[in-house]
Amino acid sequence: MIRMYFSQCGDSVVLILHFYIDNIMMKKLTVLFFLISSFFYSQQTEQEMKNILFDIEFSTAGPKEIEKIDSLIKVCKQNSYNDCVALGYLKIANIYNRNSDMKRSFYYTDKVEKENLINSDTDFEVIFYLHLQRSLLYQKLGERVTSLKQLDEMYDKVMQTNNAYFIYLINWQYAGIYNEINKKELALKHYKTAYKYSKIYRENKGELYRIDKNRLSNSYKTSPYLAGIYLDLNKPDSAKIYIEEAIQNEKKIDEIGIRYITSYYAGRYFKSIKQIPEAQHHLWICKNIANNYYKSENYQKSVAMELKSLYESTGQKDSIAYYSNWLLEIESSNKNQNQLLNDTVDKQNELETNKIKKETKNLFFILSVSVAVCILFIFLFLYYYRKHKSKNLDKIDIPHQPSVDESAFKEIIQLAKENNPEFLTRFNEYYPHFSEELLKISPLKISEIRFCAYIYLNFSTKEIAEYTFTSVRTVQTKKYNLRKKMNIPGDMDIYVWFSKLLK
């Protein structure tokens, strides 16, 4: 037995040595492969490097693809290919955005400017993708006004390029935002434009455009999206045309992204015309893709809701319960992510504030250099300082000043935190003119007046969500709808607006 024990120990040692040697060999081979690939890439022109970046798979991209892009960026930096570096960062940002890792997505988007990659010589394509990526990020955060501004800054320039690829992409993004805020006719208009120019891109008359798999698959997605908006407008006959076209297009190109979108809208279409087996078939395809490739809440929640609705129409209780639980799991797993999104934006605002403070200190230093130009610098400083101060007043939550009766005010605050039904009654007693002033502006519902009272008391978005047992996204949406209903200017902070209501 002793001999057998030592024999086994010896075998284990040999195995460990083999593993150790193999591991060292693998590391050496990896380094060697990297050196060879770096040498190969270093011989490429900037345009060739861009093409290599564009050819990297997007729909199924993960750590390996990001690692490859990082290695390409290093080579581009060595060759001073700034446009290529910027495009590499933006592609990584887009991959993280697709996987709902917003912190890293913002990080790589910001690197484009932090490394001074945007200047007068920057290719228009880079600037376009930067605005498009930021629009996507702000849309995901629910900041749709800011998202639209990113597109507005580029729209006229994009149309002037007459580049079918750029035109269809920007219209597609516009359509998605308008669809989210329930402006269906505007969404339809932009989807039609995107559809038209995506076909022009694919036809590629005169070989004006480079056709690669990623861009090609994207261009095919306009058909199912157009079908989807017709379904929303209750026009199944029109939707049918584009669903059939999308299913035919799916056979032309083997790509996960186009398969997911086509299956999703095909499932919705067949559900709407009561063809349950076909709807189930397409939605199951969609579900499998979402589980294996798309971990983002948007992708999984959409298909889960459609499947739940499908089984509700057929009365299959077990399936209804299954997908109801799945929806709860999705919402639960993304709760932390939603928190991260808001923290990311807060951090960005903090960085911008620090940057402004640093610039102000530098300006003070310059003012002290020369007496001859002192008056000019003081004038410029006062001008920009006042402009900056007036701009930021609308971004700072002005603390609410309670009246003399401190105990009554504390009672109102406590009722608000408890979401007590008596809250609005006590609030109106304490501020008798508040509801009256609101109703002069717009005929609000009781629930909306109650929500306004929370804002007037200076509760933050997170606090309102906590006290009213809703999500942060729901509170943001209510604020957005309230802005529209009350005609609150876009550049005015909603808390500042309410603080001035009774003055």
Protein backbone atom coordinates (compact mmCIF):
# COMPACT_ATOMS: atom_id res chain seq x y z
CA MET A 1 0.00 0.00 0.00
CA ILE A 2 2.89 2.36 0.84
CA ARG A 3 4.46 1.61 -2.54
CA MET A 4 1.12 2.23 -4.22
CA TYR A 5 0.74 5.56 -2.35
CA PHE A 6 4.18 6.80 -3.46
CA SER A 7 3.44 5.60 -6.98
CA GLN A 8 0.27 7.67 -7.03
CA CYS A 9 2.11 10.67 -5.58
CA GLY A 10 4.76 10.32 -8.27
CA ASP A 11 2.12 10.26 -10.97
CA SER A 12 0.53 13.40 -9.51
CA VAL A 13 3.88 15.22 -9.47
CA VAL A 14 4.49 14.25 -13.09
CA LEU A 15 1.03 15.52 -14.07
CA ILE A 16 1.62 18.80 -12.25
CA LEU A 17 5.01 19.20 -13.97
CA HIS A 18 3.44 18.47 -17.35
CA PHE A 19 0.68 21.01 -16.67
CA TYR A 20 3.23 23.60 -15.53
CA ILE A 21 5.39 23.08 -18.63
CA ASP A 22 2.35 23.15 -20.92
CA ASN A 23 1.19 26.34 -19.26
CA ILE A 24 4.57 28.01 -19.82
CA MET A 25 4.55 26.84 -23.44
CA MET A 26 1.05 28.25 -23.97
CA LYS A 27 2.11 31.60 -22.55
CA LYS A 28 5.15 31.67 -24.82
CA LEU A 29 3.03 30.75 -27.83
CA THR A 30 0.52 33.48 -26.95
CA VAL A 31 3.29 36.08 -26.72
CA LEU A 32 4.78 34.82 -29.99
CA PHE A 33 1.39 34.94 -31.69
CA PHE A 34 0.87 38.50 -30.43
CA LEU A 35 4.27 39.60 -31.75
CA ILE A 36 3.62 38.02 -35.15
CA SER A 37 0.11 39.53 -35.39
CA SER A 38 1.45 42.92 -34.25
CA PHE A 39 4.10 42.79 -36.97
CA PHE A 40 1.45 41.83 -39.53
CA TYR A 41 -0.92 44.63 -38.45
CA SER A 42 1.89 47.19 -38.37
CA GLN A 43 2.30 46.72 -42.14
CA GLN A 44 -1.33 47.75 -42.79
CA THR A 45 -2.53 51.21 -43.84
CA GLU A 46 -5.00 53.05 -41.61
CA GLN A 47 -7.90 52.22 -43.93
CA GLU A 48 -6.95 48.55 -43.88
CA MET A 49 -6.83 48.66 -40.07
CA LYS A 50 -10.31 50.22 -40.02
CA ASN A 51 -11.59 47.42 -42.23
CA ILE A 52 -10.12 44.82 -39.86
CA LEU A 53 -11.95 46.54 -36.97
CA PHE A 54 -15.26 46.62 -38.84
CA ASP A 55 -14.94 42.93 -39.74
CA ILE A 56 -14.75 41.82 -36.08
CA GLU A 57 -18.02 40.09 -35.15
CA PHE A 58 -20.37 42.31 -33.15
CA SER A 59 -23.56 40.42 -32.29
CA THR A 60 -21.74 37.61 -30.44
CA ALA A 61 -18.73 39.69 -29.39
CA GLY A 62 -17.29 39.21 -25.89
CA PRO A 63 -13.93 39.34 -24.06
CA LYS A 64 -11.97 37.73 -26.94
CA GLU A 65 -13.19 40.29 -29.46
CA ILE A 66 -12.51 43.16 -27.04
CA GLU A 67 -8.98 41.80 -26.46
CA LYS A 68 -8.41 41.68 -30.21
CA ILE A 69 -9.65 45.26 -30.65
CA ASP A 70 -7.34 46.38 -27.83
CA SER A 71 -4.36 44.81 -29.62
CA LEU A 72 -5.35 46.61 -32.84
CA ILE A 73 -5.62 49.91 -30.94
CA LYS A 74 -2.04 49.47 -29.63
CA VAL A 75 -0.75 49.02 -33.19
CA CYS A 76 -2.77 52.02 -34.40
CA LYS A 77 -1.27 54.16 -31.62
CA GLN A 78 2.24 53.12 -32.68
CA ASN A 79 1.45 54.26 -36.23
CA SER A 80 -0.39 57.42 -35.09
CA TYR A 81 -3.64 56.21 -36.71
CA ASN A 82 -5.82 58.40 -34.48
CA ASP A 83 -9.06 57.80 -36.40
CA CYS A 84 -8.52 54.07 -36.13
CA VAL A 85 -7.85 54.33 -32.37
CA ALA A 86 -11.08 56.31 -31.89
CA LEU A 87 -13.11 53.80 -33.91
CA GLY A 88 -11.62 50.97 -31.84
CA TYR A 89 -12.69 52.65 -28.60
CA LEU A 90 -16.19 53.26 -29.96
CA LYS A 91 -16.57 49.65 -31.09
CA ILE A 92 -15.60 48.42 -27.62
CA ALA A 93 -18.04 50.92 -26.10
CA ASN A 94 -20.80 49.58 -28.34
CA ILE A 95 -20.08 45.99 -27.33
CA TYR A 96 -20.27 46.92 -23.64
CA ASN A 97 -23.45 48.91 -24.32
CA ARG A 98 -25.05 45.86 -25.94
CA ASN A 99 -24.19 43.84 -22.83
CA SER A 100 -25.54 46.60 -20.51
CA ASP A 101 -22.12 47.36 -18.98
CA MET A 102 -22.74 51.11 -19.10
CA LYS A 103 -19.81 52.07 -16.88
CA ARG A 104 -17.26 50.59 -19.28
CA SER A 105 -19.20 51.85 -22.30
CA PHE A 106 -19.05 55.45 -21.01
CA TYR A 107 -15.37 54.94 -20.13
CA TYR A 108 -14.39 54.01 -23.70
CA THR A 109 -16.60 56.70 -25.24
CA ASP A 110 -14.95 59.34 -23.05
CA LYS A 111 -11.46 58.09 -23.95
CA VAL A 112 -11.97 59.42 -27.49
CA GLU A 113 -12.00 63.01 -26.19
CA LYS A 114 -9.69 62.50 -23.21
CA GLU A 115 -6.93 61.33 -25.56
CA ASN A 116 -7.59 64.31 -27.89
CA LEU A 117 -8.53 62.11 -30.84
CA ILE A 118 -11.07 64.64 -32.15
CA ASN A 119 -9.64 67.61 -34.04
CA SER A 120 -10.05 69.48 -37.34
CA ASP A 121 -8.45 66.60 -39.26
CA THR A 122 -10.66 63.88 -37.75
CA ASP A 123 -12.61 61.85 -40.28
CA PHE A 124 -16.36 62.63 -40.31
CA GLU A 125 -17.12 58.94 -39.76
CA VAL A 126 -15.46 59.03 -36.32
CA ILE A 127 -17.40 62.14 -35.23
CA PHE A 128 -20.65 60.57 -36.50
CA TYR A 129 -20.09 57.31 -34.59
CA LEU A 130 -19.17 59.24 -31.42
CA HIS A 131 -22.50 61.14 -31.46
CA LEU A 132 -24.41 57.98 -32.37
CA GLN A 133 -22.84 56.00 -29.52
CA ARG A 134 -23.59 58.74 -27.00
CA SER A 135 -27.16 58.93 -28.24
CA LEU A 136 -27.53 55.17 -27.66
CA LEU A 137 -26.12 55.47 -24.13
CA TYR A 138 -28.34 58.38 -23.11
CA GLN A 139 -31.37 56.63 -24.62
CA LYS A 140 -30.63 53.60 -22.45
CA LEU A 141 -30.39 55.86 -19.40
CA GLY A 142 -33.82 57.32 -20.20
CA GLU A 143 -32.28 60.72 -21.00
CA ARG A 144 -34.12 60.96 -24.32
CA VAL A 145 -33.86 64.77 -24.68
CA THR A 146 -30.08 64.55 -24.42
CA SER A 147 -30.11 61.52 -26.74
CA LEU A 148 -32.02 63.47 -29.40
CA LYS A 149 -29.67 66.46 -29.04
CA GLN A 150 -26.72 64.23 -29.95
CA LEU A 151 -28.51 63.30 -33.19
CA ASP A 152 -29.74 66.85 -33.91
CA GLU A 153 -26.14 68.10 -33.86
CA MET A 154 -25.27 65.71 -36.70
CA TYR A 155 -28.45 65.33 -38.77
CA ASP A 156 -27.93 68.15 -41.31
CA LYS A 157 -24.27 67.24 -41.78
CA VAL A 158 -25.17 63.58 -42.30
CA MET A 159 -27.80 64.42 -44.93
CA GLN A 160 -25.28 66.62 -46.75
CA THR A 161 -22.85 63.70 -47.07
CA ASN A 162 -25.44 61.79 -49.15
CA ASN A 163 -23.93 58.65 -47.60
CA ALA A 164 -26.70 56.02 -47.54
CA TYR A 165 -25.11 54.11 -44.65
CA PHE A 166 -24.90 57.16 -42.36
CA ILE A 167 -28.38 58.38 -43.35
CA TYR A 168 -30.08 55.07 -42.61
CA LEU A 169 -28.26 54.69 -39.27
CA ILE A 170 -29.17 58.13 -37.90
CA ASN A 171 -32.81 57.80 -39.00
CA TRP A 172 -32.98 54.35 -37.44
CA GLN A 173 -31.77 55.79 -34.12
CA TYR A 174 -34.29 58.67 -34.33
CA ALA A 175 -37.08 56.16 -34.98
CA GLY A 176 -36.13 54.07 -31.95
CA ILE A 177 -36.29 57.08 -29.60
CA TYR A 178 -39.61 58.35 -31.01
CA ASN A 179 -41.03 54.85 -30.72
CA GLU A 180 -40.05 54.74 -27.02
CA ILE A 181 -41.82 58.05 -26.26
CA ASN A 182 -44.92 56.85 -28.16
CA LYS A 183 -44.60 59.23 -31.12
CA LYS A 184 -45.49 56.45 -33.52
CA GLU A 185 -46.06 58.55 -36.65
CA LEU A 186 -42.65 60.23 -36.28
CA ALA A 187 -41.09 56.83 -35.63
CA LEU A 188 -42.76 55.46 -38.79
CA LYS A 189 -41.44 58.37 -40.86
CA HIS A 190 -37.85 57.76 -39.74
CA TYR A 191 -38.11 53.96 -40.07
CA LYS A 192 -39.28 54.44 -43.67
CA THR A 193 -36.30 56.71 -44.39
CA ALA A 194 -33.94 54.20 -42.74
CA TYR A 195 -35.48 51.36 -44.77
CA LYS A 196 -35.11 53.29 -48.05
CA TYR A 197 -31.45 54.17 -47.51
CA SER A 198 -30.53 50.72 -46.15
CA LYS A 199 -31.65 49.29 -49.51
CA ILE A 200 -29.58 51.90 -51.36
CA TYR A 201 -26.60 50.90 -49.22
CA ARG A 202 -27.06 47.20 -50.02
CA GLU A 203 -27.51 47.83 -53.75
CA ASN A 204 -24.22 49.77 -53.63
CA LYS A 205 -24.46 51.18 -57.15
CA GLY A 206 -21.07 52.37 -58.35
CA GLU A 207 -19.47 50.48 -55.44
CA LEU A 208 -19.53 53.58 -53.24
CA TYR A 209 -19.59 51.64 -49.98
CA ARG A 210 -17.65 48.86 -48.33
CA ILE A 211 -20.02 45.97 -47.62
CA ASP A 212 -19.02 43.85 -44.61
CA LYS A 213 -21.02 41.31 -42.62
CA ASN A 214 -21.70 43.57 -39.62
CA ARG A 215 -22.93 46.53 -41.65
CA LEU A 216 -24.85 44.29 -44.04
CA SER A 217 -26.72 42.50 -41.25
CA ASN A 218 -27.56 45.85 -39.64
CA SER A 219 -29.04 47.13 -42.89
CA TYR A 220 -31.40 44.13 -43.07
CA LYS A 221 -32.83 44.94 -39.62
CA THR A 222 -34.82 47.89 -40.97
CA SER A 223 -37.42 45.53 -42.47
CA PRO A 224 -38.51 43.83 -39.19
CA TYR A 225 -38.42 47.15 -37.33
CA LEU A 226 -40.68 48.70 -39.96
CA ALA A 227 -43.03 45.74 -39.56
CA GLY A 228 -42.99 46.32 -35.80
CA ILE A 229 -44.10 49.95 -36.05
CA TYR A 230 -46.95 48.94 -38.38
CA LEU A 231 -48.03 46.38 -35.75
CA ASP A 232 -48.00 49.16 -33.13
CA LEU A 233 -50.19 51.25 -35.45
CA ASN A 234 -52.58 48.28 -35.83
CA LYS A 235 -51.82 47.81 -39.54
CA PRO A 236 -51.15 44.05 -39.80
CA ASP A 237 -51.49 44.01 -43.61
CA SER A 238 -48.62 46.48 -43.97
CA ALA A 239 -46.65 44.63 -41.29
CA LYS A 240 -47.07 41.35 -43.19
CA ILE A 241 -45.21 42.73 -46.26
CA TYR A 242 -42.11 43.57 -44.22
CA ILE A 243 -42.24 40.44 -42.04
CA GLU A 244 -42.21 38.24 -45.16
CA GLU A 245 -39.35 40.32 -46.56
CA ALA A 246 -37.44 40.04 -43.26
CA ILE A 247 -37.84 36.24 -43.19
CA GLN A 248 -36.49 36.04 -46.76
CA ASN A 249 -33.61 38.37 -45.88
CA GLU A 250 -32.70 36.21 -42.87
CA LYS A 251 -31.94 33.34 -45.23
CA LYS A 252 -29.43 35.50 -47.14
CA ILE A 253 -27.13 36.12 -44.19
CA ASP A 254 -26.32 33.89 -41.21
CA GLU A 255 -26.10 36.37 -38.35
CA ILE A 256 -27.43 36.20 -34.78
CA GLY A 257 -28.58 39.82 -34.60
CA ILE A 258 -30.79 39.71 -37.70
CA ARG A 259 -32.16 36.33 -36.61
CA TYR A 260 -33.15 37.72 -33.18
CA ILE A 261 -34.88 40.84 -34.54
CA THR A 262 -36.65 38.97 -37.35
CA SER A 263 -37.85 36.22 -34.98
CA TYR A 264 -39.06 38.75 -32.43
CA TYR A 265 -41.21 40.77 -34.83
CA ALA A 266 -42.34 37.66 -36.71
CA GLY A 267 -43.51 36.25 -33.37
CA ARG A 268 -45.41 39.46 -32.63
CA TYR A 269 -46.99 39.46 -36.09
CA PHE A 270 -48.19 35.84 -35.95
CA LYS A 271 -49.50 36.42 -32.43
CA SER A 272 -51.52 39.39 -33.68
CA ILE A 273 -53.21 37.28 -36.39
CA LYS A 274 -53.82 34.38 -33.96
CA GLN A 275 -51.41 31.92 -35.60
CA ILE A 276 -50.17 30.61 -32.25
CA PRO A 277 -47.81 27.76 -33.36
CA GLU A 278 -45.92 30.11 -35.73
CA ALA A 279 -45.73 32.82 -33.07
CA GLN A 280 -44.46 30.32 -30.50
CA HIS A 281 -41.85 28.97 -32.93
CA HIS A 282 -40.36 32.40 -33.66
CA LEU A 283 -40.47 33.62 -30.07
CA TRP A 284 -38.70 30.47 -28.84
CA ILE A 285 -35.90 31.12 -31.34
CA CYS A 286 -35.75 34.65 -29.99
CA LYS A 287 -35.67 33.43 -26.39
CA ASN A 288 -32.76 31.03 -27.05
CA ILE A 289 -30.73 33.79 -28.69
CA ALA A 290 -31.44 36.19 -25.80
CA ASN A 291 -30.38 33.58 -23.22
CA ASN A 292 -27.15 32.66 -25.02
CA TYR A 293 -25.98 35.95 -26.50
CA TYR A 294 -27.96 38.96 -25.28
CA LYS A 295 -27.85 39.44 -21.52
CA SER A 296 -29.24 42.98 -21.72
CA GLU A 297 -32.56 43.59 -19.95
CA ASN A 298 -34.14 45.11 -23.08
CA TYR A 299 -33.62 41.98 -25.19
CA GLN A 300 -34.69 39.45 -22.56
CA LYS A 301 -37.60 41.42 -21.12
CA SER A 302 -39.15 42.05 -24.55
CA VAL A 303 -39.28 38.39 -25.53
CA ALA A 304 -40.39 37.32 -22.03
CA MET A 305 -43.33 39.74 -22.14
CA GLU A 306 -44.36 38.55 -25.62
CA LEU A 307 -44.25 34.89 -24.55
CA LYS A 308 -46.23 35.65 -21.38
CA SER A 309 -48.84 37.52 -23.46
CA LEU A 310 -48.97 34.64 -25.97
CA TYR A 311 -49.70 32.05 -23.28
CA GLU A 312 -52.23 34.34 -21.60
CA SER A 313 -54.16 34.35 -24.86
CA THR A 314 -54.19 30.53 -24.87
CA GLY A 315 -54.82 30.14 -21.12
CA GLN A 316 -51.75 27.96 -20.43
CA LYS A 317 -51.33 28.68 -16.71
CA ASP A 318 -48.02 26.85 -16.20
CA SER A 319 -46.38 28.76 -19.03
CA ILE A 320 -47.85 32.04 -17.79
CA ALA A 321 -46.37 31.39 -14.32
CA TYR A 322 -42.99 30.43 -15.82
CA TYR A 323 -42.64 33.61 -17.86
CA SER A 324 -44.01 35.77 -15.04
CA ASN A 325 -41.21 34.42 -12.83
CA TRP A 326 -38.68 34.98 -15.59
CA LEU A 327 -39.75 38.63 -15.86
CA LEU A 328 -39.32 39.06 -12.11
CA GLU A 329 -35.83 37.54 -12.32
CA ILE A 330 -34.90 39.89 -15.17
CA GLU A 331 -36.09 42.95 -13.26
CA SER A 332 -34.34 41.79 -10.08
CA SER A 333 -31.03 41.09 -11.82
CA ASN A 334 -31.10 44.49 -13.49
CA LYS A 335 -31.92 46.49 -10.36
CA ASN A 336 -28.23 46.87 -9.52
CA GLN A 337 -27.52 47.71 -13.14
CA ASN A 338 -30.03 50.58 -13.06
CA GLN A 339 -28.32 51.88 -9.95
CA LEU A 340 -24.98 51.66 -11.74
CA LEU A 341 -26.35 53.65 -14.70
CA ASN A 342 -27.35 56.57 -12.49
CA ASP A 343 -24.09 56.42 -10.53
CA THR A 344 -22.19 56.52 -13.82
CA VAL A 345 -23.98 59.69 -14.94
CA ASP A 346 -23.47 61.30 -11.50
CA LYS A 347 -19.78 60.49 -11.70
CA GLN A 348 -19.56 62.02 -15.16
CA ASN A 349 -21.21 65.22 -13.92
CA GLU A 350 -18.76 65.32 -11.02
CA LEU A 351 -15.80 64.94 -13.38
CA GLU A 352 -17.13 67.75 -15.57
CA THR A 353 -17.54 70.00 -12.50
CA ASN A 354 -13.98 69.29 -11.39
CA LYS A 355 -12.78 70.03 -14.89
CA ILE A 356 -14.54 73.41 -14.85
CA LYS A 357 -13.04 74.22 -11.45
CA LYS A 358 -9.58 73.36 -12.73
CA GLU A 359 -10.06 75.59 -15.77
CA THR A 360 -11.23 78.42 -13.50
CA LYS A 361 -8.06 78.14 -11.38
CA ASN A 362 -5.95 78.27 -14.52
CA LEU A 363 -7.82 81.35 -15.60
CA PHE A 364 -7.08 83.07 -12.28
CA PHE A 365 -3.40 82.25 -12.76
CA ILE A 366 -3.39 83.80 -16.22
CA LEU A 367 -5.08 86.93 -14.86
CA SER A 368 -2.18 87.51 -12.49
CA VAL A 369 0.51 87.25 -15.19
CA SER A 370 0.17 90.66 -16.80
CA VAL A 371 -1.33 93.91 -15.59
CA ALA A 372 -1.60 95.17 -19.17
CA VAL A 373 -4.20 92.55 -20.10
CA CYS A 374 -5.77 92.30 -16.65
CA ILE A 375 -8.92 94.25 -17.53
CA LEU A 376 -9.54 92.14 -20.62
CA PHE A 377 -9.10 88.89 -18.72
CA ILE A 378 -11.34 90.07 -15.86
CA PHE A 379 -14.05 90.96 -18.36
CA LEU A 380 -13.81 87.53 -20.00
CA PHE A 381 -13.75 85.79 -16.65
CA LEU A 382 -16.85 87.64 -15.38
CA TYR A 383 -18.67 86.95 -18.65
CA TYR A 384 -17.99 83.21 -18.62
CA TYR A 385 -18.46 82.94 -14.87
CA ARG A 386 -21.93 84.52 -15.01
CA LYS A 387 -22.87 82.40 -17.98
CA HIS A 388 -21.64 79.26 -16.20
CA LYS A 389 -23.39 80.24 -12.95
CA SER A 390 -26.75 80.92 -14.62
CA LYS A 391 -26.50 77.67 -16.54
CA ASN A 392 -25.74 75.62 -13.44
CA LEU A 393 -28.41 77.20 -11.23
CA ASP A 394 -30.91 75.10 -13.13
CA LYS A 395 -28.89 71.98 -12.37
CA ILE A 396 -28.63 72.40 -8.60
CA ASP A 397 -31.46 71.20 -6.42
CA ILE A 398 -32.51 74.30 -4.43
CA PRO A 399 -33.33 73.14 -0.90
CA HIS A 400 -36.92 73.80 0.11
CA GLN A 401 -37.36 76.25 2.98
CA PRO A 402 -40.07 75.17 5.43
CA SER A 403 -42.52 77.64 6.94
CA VAL A 404 -42.67 78.61 10.60
CA ASP A 405 -44.58 75.49 11.70
CA GLU A 406 -41.60 73.13 11.76
CA SER A 407 -43.47 70.22 13.39
CA ALA A 408 -46.20 70.23 10.71
CA PHE A 409 -43.56 70.29 8.00
CA LYS A 410 -41.77 67.30 9.57
CA GLU A 411 -45.10 65.46 9.71
CA ILE A 412 -45.60 66.02 5.94
CA ILE A 413 -42.11 64.73 5.22
CA GLN A 414 -42.78 61.61 7.30
CA LEU A 415 -46.14 60.99 5.55
CA ALA A 416 -44.38 61.31 2.19
CA LYS A 417 -41.71 58.80 3.16
CA GLU A 418 -44.39 56.34 4.31
CA ASN A 419 -46.41 56.89 1.09
CA ASN A 420 -49.34 57.58 3.41
CA PRO A 421 -52.73 58.30 1.71
CA GLU A 422 -53.11 61.37 3.97
CA PHE A 423 -49.92 62.91 2.57
CA LEU A 424 -51.53 65.06 -0.15
CA THR A 425 -54.32 66.28 2.16
CA ARG A 426 -51.82 67.48 4.79
CA PHE A 427 -49.57 68.91 2.09
CA ASN A 428 -52.44 70.99 0.63
CA GLU A 429 -53.27 72.27 4.12
CA TYR A 430 -49.68 73.32 4.58
CA TYR A 431 -49.34 74.78 1.06
CA PRO A 432 -52.94 75.82 0.21
CA HIS A 433 -52.05 77.48 -3.11
CA PHE A 434 -49.84 74.71 -4.52
CA SER A 435 -52.50 72.60 -6.28
CA GLU A 436 -54.30 75.75 -7.39
CA GLU A 437 -51.19 77.09 -9.13
CA LEU A 438 -50.54 73.74 -10.81
CA LEU A 439 -54.09 73.45 -12.14
CA LYS A 440 -53.82 76.95 -13.65
CA ILE A 441 -51.04 75.59 -15.84
CA SER A 442 -52.41 72.16 -16.73
CA PRO A 443 -55.37 69.93 -15.74
CA LEU A 444 -53.37 67.40 -13.71
CA LYS A 445 -54.64 64.19 -12.13
CA ILE A 446 -54.53 63.70 -8.35
CA SER A 447 -51.66 61.20 -8.75
CA GLU A 448 -49.72 63.75 -10.80
CA ILE A 449 -50.27 66.51 -8.20
CA ARG A 450 -49.05 64.08 -5.53
CA PHE A 451 -45.93 63.39 -7.62
CA CYS A 452 -45.39 67.17 -8.02
CA ALA A 453 -45.58 67.54 -4.24
CA TYR A 454 -42.71 65.06 -3.85
CA ILE A 455 -40.63 67.13 -6.28
CA TYR A 456 -41.55 70.39 -4.50
CA LEU A 457 -40.31 68.85 -1.24
CA ASN A 458 -37.00 68.31 -3.04
CA PHE A 459 -36.94 64.50 -2.90
CA SER A 460 -34.43 63.03 -5.37
CA THR A 461 -35.34 60.54 -8.09
CA LYS A 462 -33.97 57.65 -6.02
CA GLU A 463 -35.89 58.79 -2.92
CA ILE A 464 -39.19 59.14 -4.80
CA ALA A 465 -38.71 55.66 -6.27
CA GLU A 466 -37.98 54.25 -2.81
CA TYR A 467 -40.91 55.95 -1.03
CA THR A 468 -43.50 55.20 -3.75
CA PHE A 469 -42.28 51.62 -4.34
CA THR A 470 -41.52 52.20 -8.03
CA SER A 471 -38.40 51.94 -10.16
CA VAL A 472 -35.96 54.78 -10.88
CA ARG A 473 -36.80 54.42 -14.59
CA THR A 474 -40.53 54.93 -13.83
CA VAL A 475 -39.81 58.12 -11.84
CA GLN A 476 -37.60 59.44 -14.67
CA THR A 477 -40.37 58.75 -17.18
CA LYS A 478 -42.94 60.54 -14.98
CA LYS A 479 -40.62 63.55 -14.75
CA TYR A 480 -40.23 63.56 -18.52
CA ASN A 481 -44.03 63.38 -19.09
CA LEU A 482 -44.59 66.08 -16.49
CA ARG A 483 -42.14 68.39 -18.28
CA LYS A 484 -44.16 68.01 -21.48
CA LYS A 485 -47.51 68.51 -19.76
CA MET A 486 -46.38 71.58 -17.78
CA ASN A 487 -44.30 73.01 -20.68
CA ILE A 488 -41.20 73.20 -18.46
CA PRO A 489 -38.24 74.43 -20.60
CA GLY A 490 -35.65 71.79 -21.47
CA ASP A 491 -32.79 73.84 -19.99
CA MET A 492 -34.63 74.44 -16.69
CA ASP A 493 -34.08 72.01 -13.81
CA ILE A 494 -37.46 70.66 -12.72
CA TYR A 495 -36.67 71.23 -9.02
CA VAL A 496 -35.82 74.89 -9.66
CA TRP A 497 -39.07 75.30 -11.63
CA PHE A 498 -41.18 73.94 -8.76
CA SER A 499 -39.28 75.97 -6.16
CA LYS A 500 -40.39 79.15 -8.00
CA LEU A 501 -44.02 78.04 -8.32
CA LEU A 502 -45.32 79.71 -5.14
CA LYS A 503 -43.01 82.75 -5.30
